[in-house]
C-alpha atoms as a PDB file:
ATOM      1  CA  MET A   1       0.000   0.000   0.000  1.00  0.00           C
ATOM      2  CA  ASN A   2       2.719   2.363   0.824  1.00  0.00           C
ATOM      3  CA  THR A   3       4.311   1.846  -2.504  1.00  0.00           C
ATOM      4  CA  THR A   4       1.069   2.713  -4.172  1.00  0.00           C
ATOM      5  CA  PHE A   5       0.756   5.886  -2.170  1.00  0.00           C
ATOM      6  CA  LEU A   6       4.229   7.001  -3.031  1.00  0.00           C
ATOM      7  CA  LEU A   7       3.910   6.012  -6.650  1.00  0.00           C
ATOM      8  CA  SER A   8       0.540   7.562  -7.040  1.00  0.00           C
ATOM      9  CA  ALA A   9       1.760  10.771  -5.433  1.00  0.00           C
ATOM     10  CA  THR A  10       4.419  11.064  -8.034  1.00  0.00           C
ATOM     11  CA  GLU A  11       2.163  10.327 -11.001  1.00  0.00           C
ATOM     12  CA  GLN A  12      -1.108  11.962 -10.206  1.00  0.00           C
ATOM     13  CA  GLY A  13      -0.542  14.268  -7.325  1.00  0.00           C
ATOM     14  CA  VAL A  14      -1.232  13.611  -3.736  1.00  0.00           C
ATOM     15  CA  ALA A  15      -4.094  11.311  -2.824  1.00  0.00           C
ATOM     16  CA  TRP A  16      -5.282  13.122   0.195  1.00  0.00           C
ATOM     17  CA  GLY A  17      -7.762  10.532   1.313  1.00  0.00           C
ATOM     18  CA  ASP A  18      -5.138   7.820   1.551  1.00  0.00           C
ATOM     19  CA  PHE A  19      -2.717  10.268   3.087  1.00  0.00           C
ATOM     20  CA  ILE A  20      -5.148  11.236   5.854  1.00  0.00           C
ATOM     21  CA  PHE A  21      -6.010   7.579   6.392  1.00  0.00           C
ATOM     22  CA  TYR A  22      -2.315   6.765   6.814  1.00  0.00           C
ATOM     23  CA  ILE A  23      -1.781   9.741   9.122  1.00  0.00           C
ATOM     24  CA  VAL A  24      -4.781   8.794  11.270  1.00  0.00           C
ATOM     25  CA  THR A  25      -3.686   5.168  11.368  1.00  0.00           C
ATOM     26  CA  PHE A  26      -0.172   6.282  12.248  1.00  0.00           C
ATOM     27  CA  LEU A  27      -1.463   8.569  15.027  1.00  0.00           C
ATOM     28  CA  ILE A  28      -3.691   5.782  16.374  1.00  0.00           C
ATOM     29  CA  LEU A  29      -0.715   3.463  16.247  1.00  0.00           C
ATOM     30  CA  LEU A  30       1.400   6.070  18.098  1.00  0.00           C
ATOM     31  CA  ALA A  31      -1.354   6.486  20.727  1.00  0.00           C
ATOM     32  CA  LEU A  32      -1.578   2.746  21.183  1.00  0.00           C
ATOM     33  CA  VAL A  33       2.213   2.392  21.413  1.00  0.00           C
ATOM     34  CA  LYS A  34       2.313   5.284  23.880  1.00  0.00           C
ATOM     35  CA  LYS A  35      -0.450   3.791  26.011  1.00  0.00           C
ATOM     36  CA  PHE A  36       0.568   0.132  25.915  1.00  0.00           C
ATOM     37  CA  ALA A  37       4.312   0.252  25.319  1.00  0.00           C
ATOM     38  CA  TRP A  38       5.860   3.699  25.865  1.00  0.00           C
ATOM     39  CA  THR A  39       4.222   4.483  29.258  1.00  0.00           C
ATOM     40  CA  PRO A  40       5.033   1.065  30.800  1.00  0.00           C
ATOM     41  CA  ILE A  41       8.585   1.276  29.436  1.00  0.00           C
ATOM     42  CA  THR A  42       8.958   4.822  30.779  1.00  0.00           C
ATOM     43  CA  ASP A  43       7.502   3.769  34.146  1.00  0.00           C
ATOM     44  CA  MET A  44       9.787   0.760  34.208  1.00  0.00           C
ATOM     45  CA  MET A  45      12.782   2.973  33.394  1.00  0.00           C
ATOM     46  CA  GLU A  46      11.803   5.481  36.105  1.00  0.00           C
ATOM     47  CA  LYS A  47      11.356   2.667  38.609  1.00  0.00           C
ATOM     48  CA  ARG A  48      14.726   1.256  37.585  1.00  0.00           C
ATOM     49  CA  ALA A  49      16.334   4.704  37.874  1.00  0.00           C
ATOM     50  CA  THR A  50      14.722   5.159  41.314  1.00  0.00           C
ATOM     51  CA  LYS A  51      15.843   1.702  42.392  1.00  0.00           C
ATOM     52  CA  ILE A  52      19.398   2.369  41.196  1.00  0.00           C
ATOM     53  CA  SER A  53      19.381   5.732  42.970  1.00  0.00           C
ATOM     54  CA  ASN A  54      18.059   4.089  46.156  1.00  0.00           C
ATOM     55  CA  ASP A  55      20.643   1.323  45.852  1.00  0.00           C
ATOM     56  CA  ILE A  56      23.401   3.906  45.474  1.00  0.00           C
ATOM     57  CA  ASP A  57      22.068   5.822  48.506  1.00  0.00           C
ATOM     58  CA  SER A  58      21.799   2.584  50.485  1.00  0.00           C
ATOM     59  CA  ALA A  59      25.320   1.608  49.495  1.00  0.00           C
ATOM     60  CA  GLU A  60      26.587   5.036  50.550  1.00  0.00           C
ATOM     61  CA  GLN A  61      24.759   4.765  53.882  1.00  0.00           C
ATOM     62  CA  ALA A  62      26.105   1.244  54.391  1.00  0.00           C
ATOM     63  CA  ARG A  63      29.612   2.504  53.611  1.00  0.00           C
ATOM     64  CA  GLN A  64      29.211   5.349  56.103  1.00  0.00           C
ATOM     65  CA  LYS A  65      27.877   2.946  58.734  1.00  0.00           C
ATOM     66  CA  ALA A  66      30.782   0.619  58.059  1.00  0.00           C
ATOM     67  CA  GLU A  67      33.223   3.507  58.483  1.00  0.00           C
ATOM     68  CA  GLU A  68      31.497   4.510  61.736  1.00  0.00           C
ATOM     69  CA  LEU A  69      31.668   0.913  62.962  1.00  0.00           C
ATOM     70  CA  VAL A  70      35.366   0.772  62.061  1.00  0.00           C
ATOM     71  CA  GLU A  71      35.954   4.000  64.002  1.00  0.00           C
ATOM     72  CA  LYS A  72      33.944   2.694  66.971  1.00  0.00           C
ATOM     73  CA  ARG A  73      35.808  -0.611  66.859  1.00  0.00           C
ATOM     74  CA  ASP A  74      39.166   1.191  66.722  1.00  0.00           C
ATOM     75  CA  LEU A  75      38.141   3.417  69.625  1.00  0.00           C
ATOM     76  CA  ALA A  76      36.906   0.407  71.613  1.00  0.00           C
ATOM     77  CA  LEU A  77      40.167  -1.395  70.834  1.00  0.00           C
ATOM     78  CA  LYS A  78      42.199   1.587  72.041  1.00  0.00           C
ATOM     79  CA  ASN A  79      40.041   1.808  75.167  1.00  0.00           C
ATOM     80  CA  SER A  80      40.379  -1.903  75.852  1.00  0.00           C
ATOM     81  CA  ARG A  81      44.151  -1.652  75.416  1.00  0.00           C
ATOM     82  CA  SER A  82      44.341   1.248  77.861  1.00  0.00           C
ATOM     83  CA  GLU A  83      42.067  -0.603  80.291  1.00  0.00           C
ATOM     84  CA  ALA A  84      44.235  -3.699  79.996  1.00  0.00           C
ATOM     85  CA  SER A  85      47.307  -1.569  80.635  1.00  0.00           C
ATOM     86  CA  GLN A  86      45.652  -0.031  83.695  1.00  0.00           C
ATOM     87  CA  ILE A  87      44.626  -3.462  84.987  1.00  0.00           C
ATOM     88  CA  ILE A  88      48.177  -4.730  84.538  1.00  0.00           C
ATOM     89  CA  ASP A  89      49.577  -1.665  86.325  1.00  0.00           C
ATOM     90  CA  ARG A  90      47.130  -2.142  89.201  1.00  0.00           C
ATOM     91  CA  ALA A  91      48.014  -5.828  89.420  1.00  0.00           C
ATOM     92  CA  LYS A  92      51.718  -4.948  89.519  1.00  0.00           C
ATOM     93  CA  LYS A  93      51.122  -2.360  92.250  1.00  0.00           C
ATOM     94  CA  ASN A  94      49.029  -4.831  94.243  1.00  0.00           C
ATOM     95  CA  GLY A  95      51.739  -7.463  93.799  1.00  0.00           C
ATOM     96  CA  GLU A  96      54.403  -5.031  95.006  1.00  0.00           C
ATOM     97  CA  GLN A  97      52.264  -4.084  98.000  1.00  0.00           C
ATOM     98  CA  GLN A  98      51.650  -7.722  98.856  1.00  0.00           C
ATOM     99  CA  LYS A  99      55.363  -8.419  98.473  1.00  0.00           C
ATOM    100  CA  ALA A 100      56.198  -5.506 100.777  1.00  0.00           C
ATOM    101  CA  ASN A 101      53.586  -6.684 103.297  1.00  0.00           C
ATOM    102  CA  ILE A 102      54.904 -10.250 103.210  1.00  0.00           C
ATOM    103  CA  VAL A 103      58.514  -9.080 103.605  1.00  0.00           C
ATOM    104  CA  SER A 104      57.538  -6.717 106.432  1.00  0.00           C
ATOM    105  CA  SER A 105      55.560  -9.470 108.140  1.00  0.00           C
ATOM    106  CA  ALA A 106      58.483 -11.871 107.761  1.00  0.00           C
ATOM    107  CA  HIS A 107      60.882  -9.292 109.260  1.00  0.00           C
ATOM    108  CA  LYS A 108      58.544  -8.741 112.202  1.00  0.00           C
ATOM    109  CA  GLU A 109      58.214 -12.476 112.683  1.00  0.00           C
ATOM    110  CA  VAL A 110      62.000 -12.893 112.570  1.00  0.00           C
ATOM    111  CA  GLN A 111      62.436 -10.092 115.113  1.00  0.00           C
ATOM    112  CA  THR A 112      59.837 -11.707 117.358  1.00  0.00           C
ATOM    113  CA  MET A 113      61.531 -15.088 116.987  1.00  0.00           C
ATOM    114  CA  LYS A 114      64.913 -13.508 117.817  1.00  0.00           C
ATOM    115  CA  ALA A 115      63.474 -11.799 120.884  1.00  0.00           C
ATOM    116  CA  ASN A 116      61.829 -15.056 122.006  1.00  0.00           C
ATOM    117  CA  ALA A 117      65.054 -16.965 121.384  1.00  0.00           C
ATOM    118  CA  LYS A 118      67.020 -14.404 123.424  1.00  0.00           C
ATOM    119  CA  LYS A 119      64.488 -14.676 126.229  1.00  0.00           C
ATOM    120  CA  ASP A 120      64.644 -18.478 126.064  1.00  0.00           C
ATOM    121  CA  ILE A 121      68.455 -18.383 126.085  1.00  0.00           C
ATOM    122  CA  GLN A 122      68.476 -15.961 129.006  1.00  0.00           C
ATOM    123  CA  GLN A 123      65.981 -18.122 130.881  1.00  0.00           C
ATOM    124  CA  GLU A 124      67.972 -21.299 130.165  1.00  0.00           C
ATOM    125  CA  ARG A 125      71.139 -19.513 131.252  1.00  0.00           C
ATOM    126  CA  GLN A 126      69.497 -18.344 134.447  1.00  0.00           C
ATOM    127  CA  GLU A 127      68.162 -21.847 135.141  1.00  0.00           C
ATOM    128  CA  ALA A 128      71.603 -23.272 134.458  1.00  0.00           C
ATOM    129  CA  LEU A 129      73.186 -20.724 136.805  1.00  0.00           C
ATOM    130  CA  ASP A 130      70.584 -21.469 139.462  1.00  0.00           C
ATOM    131  CA  SER A 131      71.215 -25.182 139.052  1.00  0.00           C
ATOM    132  CA  VAL A 132      74.972 -24.620 139.254  1.00  0.00           C
ATOM    133  CA  LYS A 133      74.448 -22.428 142.330  1.00  0.00           C
ATOM    134  CA  ASN A 134      72.468 -25.139 144.025  1.00  0.00           C
ATOM    135  CA  ASP A 135      75.026 -27.784 143.063  1.00  0.00           C
ATOM    136  CA  VAL A 136      77.891 -25.595 144.202  1.00  0.00           C
ATOM    137  CA  ALA A 137      76.040 -24.774 147.411  1.00  0.00           C
ATOM    138  CA  GLU A 138      75.500 -28.412 148.216  1.00  0.00           C
ATOM    139  CA  LEU A 139      79.097 -29.306 147.346  1.00  0.00           C
ATOM    140  CA  SER A 140      80.377 -26.395 149.369  1.00  0.00           C
ATOM    141  CA  ILE A 141      78.318 -27.440 152.341  1.00  0.00           C
ATOM    142  CA  GLU A 142      79.607 -30.956 152.142  1.00  0.00           C
ATOM    143  CA  ILE A 143      83.196 -29.791 151.716  1.00  0.00           C
ATOM    144  CA  ALA A 144      82.876 -27.214 154.453  1.00  0.00           C
ATOM    145  CA  SER A 145      81.342 -29.695 156.870  1.00  0.00           C
ATOM    146  CA  LYS A 146      84.115 -32.157 156.185  1.00  0.00           C
ATOM    147  CA  ILE A 147      86.834 -29.564 156.421  1.00  0.00           C
ATOM    148  CA  ILE A 148      85.583 -27.609 159.358  1.00  0.00           C
ATOM    149  CA  ARG A 149      83.831 -30.418 161.139  1.00  0.00           C
ATOM    150  CA  LYS A 150      81.887 -27.843 162.713  1.00  0.00           C
ATOM    151  CA  GLU A 151      78.185 -27.863 162.641  1.00  0.00           C
ATOM    152  CA  LEU A 152      76.560 -24.977 160.935  1.00  0.00           C
ATOM    153  CA  THR A 153      72.913 -24.689 160.272  1.00  0.00           C
ATOM    154  CA  ALA A 154      71.787 -25.248 156.734  1.00  0.00           C
ATOM    155  CA  ASP A 155      70.577 -21.609 156.459  1.00  0.00           C
ATOM    156  CA  ASP A 156      73.948 -20.278 157.565  1.00  0.00           C
ATOM    157  CA  GLN A 157      75.729 -22.517 155.106  1.00  0.00           C
ATOM    158  CA  LYS A 158      73.388 -21.532 152.285  1.00  0.00           C
ATOM    159  CA  ALA A 159      73.882 -17.817 152.993  1.00  0.00           C
ATOM    160  CA  LEU A 160      77.639 -18.344 152.989  1.00  0.00           C
ATOM    161  CA  VAL A 161      77.525 -20.201 149.652  1.00  0.00           C
ATOM    162  CA  ASP A 162      75.180 -17.617 148.106  1.00  0.00           C
ATOM    163  CA  SER A 163      77.515 -14.788 148.962  1.00  0.00           C
ATOM    164  CA  TYR A 164      80.409 -16.798 147.513  1.00  0.00           C
ATOM    165  CA  ILE A 165      78.521 -17.486 144.280  1.00  0.00           C
ATOM    166  CA  GLU A 166      77.523 -13.843 143.947  1.00  0.00           C
ATOM    167  CA  GLY A 167      81.136 -12.950 144.203  1.00  0.00           C
ATOM    168  CA  LEU A 168      81.942 -15.495 141.469  1.00  0.00           C
ATOM    169  CA  GLY A 169      79.097 -14.148 139.313  1.00  0.00           C
ATOM    170  CA  LYS A 170      80.428 -10.586 139.621  1.00  0.00           C
ATOM    171  CA  GLN A 171      83.884 -11.766 138.639  1.00  0.00           C
ATOM    172  CA  ASN A 172      82.455 -13.554 135.518  1.00  0.00           C
ATOM    173  CA  GLU A 173      80.502 -10.466 134.503  1.00  0.00           C
ATOM    174  CA  THR A 174      83.567  -8.243 134.595  1.00  0.00           C
ATOM    175  CA  ARG A 175      85.447 -10.622 132.301  1.00  0.00           C
END
C-alpha cells in the first residue's frame, strides 16, 4: 500500500484521502504504542532509575555505617588496650604491695623469733646458773662440813655459799 501511495503521489498528485487515512492510522498506532508500550517502558525505566538511585544511597549509607563501625571498633580497641594496661599496672602495684607486706611481716616475725630466742636463752642460762648455784652450794656445804667439822645450820651454810657465788658471778661479769 505504501508503494502505491508514493507512486501515485508522483504520477497523479497527492491522494489526500489515503494520506489522511495513513496519518490517522499512524497517530492511532502512536497512541496505542504510547499507552501500551511507551508508558510502561517509561515507568519501568523510572522505577529502575529510582531503584538504582536508592541502591546507590543505600550503598553510601552502608559505607558510612561501616566507616562509623570501624571508628567505633578502633576506639573500643584503644580503650580496651588502655584498660588492659591499667589493669596490669594495678596488678603490679598490688603485687608489690603484697610483696612488701609479706617481707615486712616476715621481718617482724624474725624479730619476734629472735626476741623469744634471746628470752629463752636468758631463761635457760638463768636456770643453768641457778642449778649450778644449788650444786655448788651443796658441794660447798659438804666440803665445808668435812673440812671444818663444825656444825653450821643449813641456812647459815646456804647464805655463805650464796655470797660466795655472787662474788663469782660478779667476777664472771667483769670478764
